[in-house]
Amino acid sequence: MARLAGSDITALLEFLKDLYSVCDLRVFRRQLVSRMHKLVGSELTSYNEVDFLGRRHTSVSDHPGASEFPDSHNIFDQHVAEHPLIGRFARSGDAGALKISDFLTKSQFRKLGLYEDFYRRVPVRQQMAFVLPARPPTVIGIALNRSGSLDFSERDRLLLNLVRPHVVQAYRSAKAITQMSRKLVMAFSALESLDSAVLLVSQSARMLATRRATQLLAKYFPGTAPTGAQLPDILRRWARHHMDNLKGTDVPSVLTPLTVKKGGNRLIVRLVPDADCFLLNLTEWPNATGQEAFLSFGLTPREAEVLSWVAQGKTNIVIGKILELSPRTVQKHVEHIFQKLRVETRTAAAAWALQIQGQVNSITGCATPRALREVAPSERWGLAPL
């Protein structure tokens, strides 16, 4: 029975450390074939996806071009049904590492058209492989190849069988991440079509941003990389502050939006946290006025205009002349305002309006609708809660 030395265990642990650091499927394939030879000696290691029935395959190797010669791809596909390992994996679903020499002698292998037309020219004399989960008739195999007479040992087989469950898990993780990334790209494409300003930010502050978000970053944070690849420092520190506050508590604190003013406009940044990343939603608004703040409570633009004049002590007749409305129409607007604000008198409505205008002008100069609802202390004015 094969036994492993201490150096084998060390090599195995180093291999697993590298393997589990992989994120997406493309990197997984490259890293797997580039590291495998450190675990089991191989002159050419390849990751292969083979459609056994359709006779088509794709391959990634640690020595690109080493198995390529004129029409090599088509030649391999023509002879793939002769491959003793691929055929075995496709028919039986064996998961363990297998060698060509488990099924064929050297002379039998060299009589195959697969060897004569393909492997002889690579050259490959010995091969050991194991497979990853795949839907039939696809076979995903990791093949280790040697050109000399030294075959793979039982120690090599043991190492590959020990590492295979970890390779399978890393493959599934990389595949899931790749699929999520593709869905995320599709979602961002949809957001692009809506001209939305959204950023997805990783722990390292790398980000995926829509075109509109990149434009707003450049406008409000001069010096931001034009590619939008790096989050501006002020945003990174603000977001990290909130993310840190969310850790270790069952009751998260209120995520106060960040406001950045520039000229006559302001940028409102809202954070949506997740386990290892966060989403930033960017919204640009003109600097707030009292009337704009009234709209967030359900008032129509006309009702907001009427309320602003009520707050200045104007009568219905005067308001009607200013807005070119009849006093009766103004009175209807006032009644609707009372209903929406849940007040009963003009004095109460005026007090409410003045308070909201004061919050906008004195606290931030750019209150958001949600913030306005939170800061409006209706009890102070004897009003019913909203």
Protein backbone atom coordinates (compact mmCIF):
# COMPACT_ATOMS: atom_id res chain seq x y z
CA MET A 1 0.00 0.00 0.00
CA ALA A 2 1.33 3.43 -0.95
CA ARG A 3 2.39 5.74 1.86
CA LEU A 4 3.05 9.45 1.88
CA ALA A 5 6.18 11.16 3.20
CA GLY A 6 6.22 14.37 5.21
CA SER A 7 7.23 16.29 2.10
CA ASP A 8 4.14 14.94 0.31
CA ILE A 9 1.89 16.27 3.07
CA THR A 10 3.60 19.66 2.92
CA ALA A 11 3.18 19.79 -0.86
CA LEU A 12 -0.47 18.78 -0.51
CA LEU A 13 -1.20 21.55 2.00
CA GLU A 14 0.54 24.16 -0.15
CA PHE A 15 -1.45 23.02 -3.16
CA LEU A 16 -4.75 23.30 -1.27
CA LYS A 17 -3.83 26.75 0.02
CA ASP A 18 -3.33 27.98 -3.54
CA LEU A 19 -6.41 26.17 -4.79
CA TYR A 20 -8.84 27.70 -2.29
CA SER A 21 -7.60 31.21 -3.01
CA VAL A 22 -9.15 31.06 -6.48
CA CYS A 23 -12.25 33.12 -7.26
CA ASP A 24 -13.64 32.52 -10.74
CA LEU A 25 -13.63 29.56 -13.09
CA ARG A 26 -11.13 30.98 -15.56
CA VAL A 27 -8.55 31.56 -12.84
CA PHE A 28 -9.35 28.17 -11.30
CA ARG A 29 -8.46 26.34 -14.53
CA ARG A 30 -5.17 28.16 -14.98
CA GLN A 31 -4.11 27.85 -11.35
CA LEU A 32 -5.04 24.19 -11.14
CA VAL A 33 -2.91 23.11 -14.11
CA SER A 34 -0.03 25.39 -13.15
CA ARG A 35 0.19 24.02 -9.58
CA MET A 36 -0.58 20.34 -10.12
CA HIS A 37 2.93 19.38 -11.24
CA LYS A 38 4.29 20.47 -7.84
CA LEU A 39 2.14 17.79 -6.27
CA VAL A 40 2.61 14.99 -8.82
CA GLY A 41 5.42 15.14 -11.37
CA SER A 42 4.03 15.96 -14.81
CA GLU A 43 5.58 17.43 -17.95
CA LEU A 44 2.21 18.57 -19.29
CA THR A 45 -0.94 19.07 -17.21
CA SER A 46 -4.26 19.96 -18.82
CA TYR A 47 -7.84 20.77 -17.87
CA ASN A 48 -10.16 19.26 -20.48
CA GLU A 49 -13.89 19.51 -21.14
CA VAL A 50 -14.85 16.76 -23.58
CA ASP A 51 -18.21 16.09 -25.23
CA PHE A 52 -17.72 12.35 -25.57
CA LEU A 53 -20.65 11.78 -27.93
CA GLY A 54 -20.29 14.96 -29.96
CA ARG A 55 -16.53 14.51 -30.17
CA ARG A 56 -15.69 18.09 -29.25
CA HIS A 57 -13.34 19.38 -26.59
CA THR A 58 -11.76 22.47 -25.07
CA SER A 59 -8.50 22.41 -23.14
CA VAL A 60 -6.30 24.59 -20.92
CA SER A 61 -2.73 23.46 -20.19
CA ASP A 62 0.24 24.64 -18.16
CA HIS A 63 2.25 24.81 -21.40
CA PRO A 64 0.01 26.51 -23.98
CA GLY A 65 0.81 25.30 -27.45
CA ALA A 66 2.71 22.21 -26.31
CA SER A 67 0.02 19.86 -27.63
CA GLU A 68 -0.75 21.90 -30.73
CA PHE A 69 0.31 21.12 -34.28
CA PRO A 70 -1.51 21.49 -37.61
CA ASP A 71 -5.12 20.31 -37.20
CA SER A 72 -4.33 18.84 -33.77
CA HIS A 73 -7.67 19.85 -32.30
CA ASN A 74 -9.71 18.06 -34.94
CA ILE A 75 -7.44 15.00 -34.86
CA PHE A 76 -7.98 14.55 -31.12
CA ASP A 77 -11.76 14.94 -31.54
CA GLN A 78 -11.80 12.30 -34.29
CA HIS A 79 -10.06 9.76 -32.03
CA VAL A 80 -11.58 10.71 -28.66
CA ALA A 81 -13.78 7.58 -28.58
CA GLU A 82 -10.57 5.48 -28.48
CA HIS A 83 -9.31 7.20 -25.32
CA PRO A 84 -9.33 4.52 -22.60
CA LEU A 85 -9.71 6.95 -19.69
CA ILE A 86 -12.29 9.32 -21.20
CA GLY A 87 -14.35 6.35 -22.34
CA ARG A 88 -14.14 4.75 -18.90
CA PHE A 89 -15.12 7.96 -17.10
CA ALA A 90 -18.00 8.60 -19.53
CA ARG A 91 -19.44 5.08 -19.20
CA SER A 92 -18.86 4.23 -15.56
CA GLY A 93 -18.69 7.57 -13.77
CA ASP A 94 -15.53 6.48 -11.90
CA ALA A 95 -14.24 9.31 -9.76
CA GLY A 96 -10.81 8.06 -8.72
CA ALA A 97 -7.53 8.67 -10.52
CA LEU A 98 -6.85 6.24 -13.36
CA LYS A 99 -3.85 5.54 -15.62
CA ILE A 100 -3.85 4.49 -19.26
CA SER A 101 -1.68 1.57 -18.15
CA ASP A 102 -4.59 0.37 -15.96
CA PHE A 103 -6.33 -0.69 -19.19
CA LEU A 104 -3.73 -0.96 -21.95
CA THR A 105 -0.18 -2.20 -22.26
CA LYS A 106 2.37 0.07 -23.91
CA SER A 107 2.10 -1.82 -27.18
CA GLN A 108 -1.71 -1.73 -27.14
CA PHE A 109 -1.70 2.01 -26.48
CA ARG A 110 0.74 2.66 -29.33
CA LYS A 111 -1.45 0.77 -31.78
CA LEU A 112 -4.31 3.23 -31.28
CA GLY A 113 -5.00 5.85 -33.93
CA LEU A 114 -5.23 8.28 -31.00
CA TYR A 115 -1.59 7.61 -30.17
CA GLU A 116 -0.27 7.41 -33.73
CA ASP A 117 -1.97 10.59 -34.94
CA PHE A 118 -1.96 12.66 -31.75
CA TYR A 119 -0.09 11.56 -28.62
CA ARG A 120 3.01 10.41 -30.53
CA ARG A 121 3.43 13.92 -31.86
CA VAL A 122 2.92 15.74 -28.52
CA PRO A 123 4.61 13.46 -27.19
CA VAL A 124 2.72 11.59 -24.42
CA ARG A 125 3.66 8.07 -23.33
CA GLN A 126 2.13 7.95 -19.83
CA GLN A 127 -1.06 9.56 -18.55
CA MET A 128 -3.01 9.67 -15.30
CA ALA A 129 -6.29 11.57 -14.91
CA PHE A 130 -9.25 12.19 -12.63
CA VAL A 131 -12.59 13.84 -13.34
CA LEU A 132 -14.80 16.58 -11.93
CA PRO A 133 -18.61 16.43 -11.75
CA ALA A 134 -20.27 17.12 -15.11
CA ARG A 135 -23.51 16.34 -16.90
CA PRO A 136 -23.22 13.47 -19.40
CA PRO A 137 -22.02 13.21 -22.08
CA THR A 138 -19.54 15.88 -20.95
CA VAL A 139 -16.41 14.66 -19.19
CA ILE A 140 -14.27 17.19 -17.31
CA GLY A 141 -10.85 15.67 -16.74
CA ILE A 142 -7.56 16.78 -15.24
CA ALA A 143 -4.81 14.93 -17.12
CA LEU A 144 -1.16 14.61 -16.10
CA ASN A 145 1.21 13.50 -18.86
CA ARG A 146 4.77 12.25 -19.20
CA SER A 147 6.85 11.66 -22.31
CA GLY A 148 9.27 9.08 -20.88
CA SER A 149 8.96 5.44 -19.86
CA LEU A 150 8.43 6.15 -16.13
CA ASP A 151 4.77 5.50 -15.37
CA PHE A 152 2.79 7.17 -12.57
CA SER A 153 3.09 5.41 -9.20
CA GLU A 154 0.54 4.37 -6.60
CA ARG A 155 1.87 7.20 -4.45
CA ASP A 156 0.87 9.57 -7.28
CA ARG A 157 -2.57 7.99 -7.47
CA LEU A 158 -3.02 8.33 -3.70
CA LEU A 159 -2.13 12.02 -3.80
CA LEU A 160 -4.57 12.70 -6.63
CA ASN A 161 -7.35 10.78 -4.89
CA LEU A 162 -6.72 12.72 -1.68
CA VAL A 163 -6.78 16.06 -3.42
CA ARG A 164 -9.72 15.36 -5.75
CA PRO A 165 -12.56 16.16 -3.23
CA HIS A 166 -10.93 19.53 -2.59
CA VAL A 167 -10.54 20.19 -6.31
CA VAL A 168 -14.23 19.36 -6.76
CA GLN A 169 -15.23 21.78 -3.99
CA ALA A 170 -13.00 24.54 -5.34
CA TYR A 171 -14.37 23.93 -8.83
CA ARG A 172 -17.97 24.21 -7.62
CA SER A 173 -17.17 27.40 -5.73
CA ALA A 174 -15.43 28.92 -8.75
CA LYS A 175 -18.32 27.89 -10.99
CA ALA A 176 -20.88 29.44 -8.62
CA ILE A 177 -18.90 32.67 -8.39
CA THR A 178 -18.58 32.80 -12.17
CA GLN A 179 -22.32 32.29 -12.61
CA MET A 180 -23.11 34.98 -10.04
CA SER A 181 -20.68 37.34 -11.75
CA ARG A 182 -22.41 36.79 -15.07
CA LYS A 183 -25.81 37.47 -13.51
CA LEU A 184 -24.37 40.56 -11.88
CA VAL A 185 -23.07 41.81 -15.22
CA MET A 186 -26.52 41.22 -16.71
CA ALA A 187 -28.13 43.12 -13.84
CA PHE A 188 -25.71 45.99 -14.28
CA SER A 189 -26.46 46.02 -18.00
CA ALA A 190 -30.14 46.42 -17.14
CA LEU A 191 -29.28 49.24 -14.73
CA GLU A 192 -27.22 50.88 -17.47
CA SER A 193 -30.25 50.91 -19.75
CA LEU A 194 -32.20 52.68 -17.00
CA ASP A 195 -29.35 55.17 -16.51
CA SER A 196 -29.07 54.17 -12.84
CA ALA A 197 -26.07 55.12 -10.73
CA VAL A 198 -25.04 52.02 -8.77
CA LEU A 199 -21.72 50.67 -7.50
CA LEU A 200 -20.91 47.22 -6.12
CA VAL A 201 -17.84 47.40 -3.90
CA SER A 202 -15.71 44.51 -2.64
CA GLN A 203 -13.75 44.33 0.61
CA SER A 204 -10.65 45.58 -1.18
CA ALA A 205 -12.58 48.67 -2.37
CA ARG A 206 -12.54 47.46 -5.97
CA MET A 207 -15.83 48.22 -7.61
CA LEU A 208 -18.18 47.51 -10.45
CA ALA A 209 -19.94 50.70 -11.50
CA THR A 210 -22.57 51.69 -14.00
CA ARG A 211 -21.72 54.40 -16.51
CA ARG A 212 -23.90 56.97 -14.69
CA ALA A 213 -22.21 56.16 -11.35
CA THR A 214 -18.79 56.66 -12.92
CA GLN A 215 -19.89 60.05 -14.28
CA LEU A 216 -21.14 61.18 -10.86
CA LEU A 217 -17.95 60.03 -9.14
CA ALA A 218 -15.88 62.06 -11.60
CA LYS A 219 -18.09 65.09 -11.04
CA TYR A 220 -18.23 65.05 -7.24
CA PHE A 221 -14.85 63.45 -6.52
CA PRO A 222 -12.32 64.98 -8.94
CA GLY A 223 -9.31 62.75 -9.51
CA THR A 224 -11.30 59.50 -9.47
CA ALA A 225 -9.85 57.00 -11.91
CA PRO A 226 -11.72 57.32 -15.22
CA THR A 227 -12.24 53.57 -15.32
CA GLY A 228 -14.06 53.68 -12.00
CA ALA A 229 -11.92 50.81 -10.76
CA GLN A 230 -11.16 52.29 -7.34
CA LEU A 231 -13.54 53.80 -4.81
CA PRO A 232 -12.70 57.42 -3.79
CA ASP A 233 -11.10 57.53 -0.36
CA ILE A 234 -13.83 59.59 1.31
CA LEU A 235 -16.50 57.16 0.13
CA ARG A 236 -14.41 54.15 1.13
CA ARG A 237 -13.89 55.48 4.68
CA TRP A 238 -17.56 56.47 5.07
CA ALA A 239 -18.80 53.08 3.86
CA ARG A 240 -16.26 51.17 5.95
CA HIS A 241 -17.34 53.14 9.03
CA HIS A 242 -20.92 52.00 8.56
CA MET A 243 -19.90 48.43 7.73
CA ASP A 244 -17.78 48.23 10.88
CA ASN A 245 -20.66 49.56 13.00
CA LEU A 246 -22.90 46.80 11.67
CA LYS A 247 -20.56 44.05 12.88
CA GLY A 248 -21.28 42.33 16.16
CA THR A 249 -24.73 43.81 16.70
CA ASP A 250 -28.20 42.39 16.21
CA VAL A 251 -29.70 45.87 15.96
CA PRO A 252 -27.97 47.80 13.16
CA SER A 253 -27.57 51.54 13.44
CA VAL A 254 -29.33 53.89 11.06
CA LEU A 255 -27.33 54.12 7.82
CA THR A 256 -27.27 57.87 7.36
CA PRO A 257 -26.89 58.86 3.70
CA LEU A 258 -23.76 60.75 2.73
CA THR A 259 -24.38 64.14 1.13
CA VAL A 260 -21.86 65.94 -1.07
CA LYS A 261 -22.73 69.39 -2.43
CA LYS A 262 -21.30 70.88 -5.58
CA GLY A 263 -22.57 74.07 -7.15
CA GLY A 264 -26.35 74.08 -7.18
CA ASN A 265 -26.65 70.32 -6.86
CA ARG A 266 -26.01 67.63 -4.28
CA LEU A 267 -25.10 63.95 -4.42
CA ILE A 268 -26.90 61.59 -2.04
CA VAL A 269 -25.08 58.29 -1.43
CA ARG A 270 -26.94 55.43 0.24
CA LEU A 271 -25.32 52.19 1.38
CA VAL A 272 -26.82 48.69 1.22
CA PRO A 273 -24.56 46.29 3.18
CA ASP A 274 -23.90 42.61 2.56
CA ALA A 275 -21.64 40.01 4.18
CA ASP A 276 -18.47 40.71 2.20
CA CYS A 277 -19.39 43.61 -0.05
CA PHE A 278 -21.76 46.55 -0.22
CA LEU A 279 -23.88 48.39 -2.75
CA LEU A 280 -23.86 52.15 -3.17
CA ASN A 281 -26.76 53.98 -4.76
CA LEU A 282 -25.96 57.48 -6.02
CA THR A 283 -28.67 60.09 -6.61
CA GLU A 284 -28.17 63.66 -7.78
CA TRP A 285 -30.66 66.34 -6.79
CA PRO A 286 -30.86 70.11 -6.96
CA ASN A 287 -30.26 71.70 -3.56
CA ALA A 288 -33.48 71.25 -1.64
CA THR A 289 -36.13 73.92 -1.13
CA GLY A 290 -39.06 73.83 1.23
CA GLN A 291 -41.47 73.04 -1.56
CA GLU A 292 -39.37 70.05 -2.70
CA ALA A 293 -39.36 68.78 0.87
CA PHE A 294 -43.16 69.01 1.02
CA LEU A 295 -43.44 66.62 -1.93
CA SER A 296 -41.88 63.80 0.07
CA PHE A 297 -44.98 63.82 2.32
CA GLY A 298 -47.36 63.12 -0.51
CA LEU A 299 -48.28 66.67 -1.46
CA THR A 300 -48.69 67.49 -5.13
CA PRO A 301 -46.55 70.27 -6.64
CA ARG A 302 -49.57 72.62 -6.58
CA GLU A 303 -50.37 71.74 -2.96
CA ALA A 304 -46.73 72.40 -2.06
CA GLU A 305 -46.99 75.84 -3.66
CA VAL A 306 -50.20 76.60 -1.75
CA LEU A 307 -48.67 75.42 1.54
CA SER A 308 -45.60 77.61 1.07
CA TRP A 309 -47.86 80.67 0.76
CA VAL A 310 -50.04 79.55 3.70
CA ALA A 311 -46.83 79.39 5.76
CA GLN A 312 -46.24 83.06 4.83
CA GLY A 313 -49.68 84.03 6.18
CA LYS A 314 -51.37 84.62 2.84
CA THR A 315 -55.15 84.26 2.58
CA ASN A 316 -56.92 82.10 0.02
CA ILE A 317 -57.83 85.16 -2.02
CA VAL A 318 -54.21 86.37 -2.16
CA ILE A 319 -52.88 82.90 -2.92
CA GLY A 320 -55.47 82.60 -5.70
CA LYS A 321 -54.26 85.80 -7.31
CA ILE A 322 -50.60 84.74 -7.06
CA LEU A 323 -51.22 81.30 -8.52
CA GLU A 324 -54.06 82.40 -10.83
CA LEU A 325 -56.56 80.15 -9.09
CA SER A 326 -60.02 80.78 -7.69
CA PRO A 327 -60.30 81.10 -3.89
CA ARG A 328 -62.52 78.00 -3.92
CA THR A 329 -59.83 75.97 -5.72
CA VAL A 330 -57.25 77.20 -3.21
CA GLN A 331 -59.53 76.13 -0.37
CA LYS A 332 -59.81 72.62 -1.89
CA HIS A 333 -56.02 72.42 -2.00
CA VAL A 334 -55.85 73.54 1.65
CA GLU A 335 -58.34 70.85 2.65
CA HIS A 336 -56.26 68.21 0.89
CA ILE A 337 -53.16 69.52 2.65
CA PHE A 338 -54.91 69.21 6.03
CA GLN A 339 -55.85 65.60 5.23
CA LYS A 340 -52.36 64.59 4.13
CA LEU A 341 -50.59 66.30 7.04
CA ARG A 342 -53.29 65.28 9.52
CA VAL A 343 -53.75 68.77 10.86
CA GLU A 344 -56.92 70.78 11.39
CA THR A 345 -55.97 74.45 11.13
CA ARG A 346 -53.99 76.78 8.88
CA THR A 347 -51.84 77.69 11.88
CA ALA A 348 -50.85 74.05 12.41
CA ALA A 349 -50.14 73.56 8.70
CA ALA A 350 -48.07 76.75 8.60
CA ALA A 351 -46.10 75.70 11.69
CA TRP A 352 -45.40 72.30 10.13
CA ALA A 353 -44.24 73.90 6.88
CA LEU A 354 -41.95 76.37 8.65
CA GLN A 355 -40.43 73.58 10.70
CA ILE A 356 -39.70 71.48 7.58
CA GLN A 357 -38.21 74.49 5.82
CA GLY A 358 -36.06 75.12 8.88
CA GLN A 359 -34.83 71.53 8.88
CA VAL A 360 -33.88 71.80 5.22
CA ASN A 361 -32.09 75.12 5.58
CA SER A 362 -30.38 74.72 8.95
CA ILE A 363 -29.53 71.05 9.32
CA THR A 364 -28.14 69.81 6.02
CA GLY A 365 -29.37 72.05 3.24
CA CYS A 366 -30.31 68.89 1.39
CA ALA A 367 -32.51 66.65 3.47
CA THR A 368 -33.77 63.44 1.91
CA PRO A 369 -37.44 62.37 2.05
CA ARG A 370 -36.68 59.63 4.55
CA ALA A 371 -34.58 61.94 6.68
CA LEU A 372 -37.35 64.56 6.70
CA ARG A 373 -39.82 62.05 8.05
CA GLU A 374 -37.39 61.08 10.78
CA VAL A 375 -36.56 64.60 11.94
CA ALA A 376 -40.01 66.20 11.83
CA PRO A 377 -41.08 66.30 15.54
CA SER A 378 -44.83 66.66 15.02
CA GLU A 379 -45.57 66.39 18.73
CA ARG A 380 -43.80 69.69 19.32
CA TRP A 381 -46.47 71.45 17.30
CA GLY A 382 -49.38 69.45 18.68
CA LEU A 383 -49.86 67.59 15.38
CA ALA A 384 -50.97 64.03 14.89
CA PRO A 385 -48.14 61.62 13.99
CA LEU A 386 -47.64 61.04 10.29
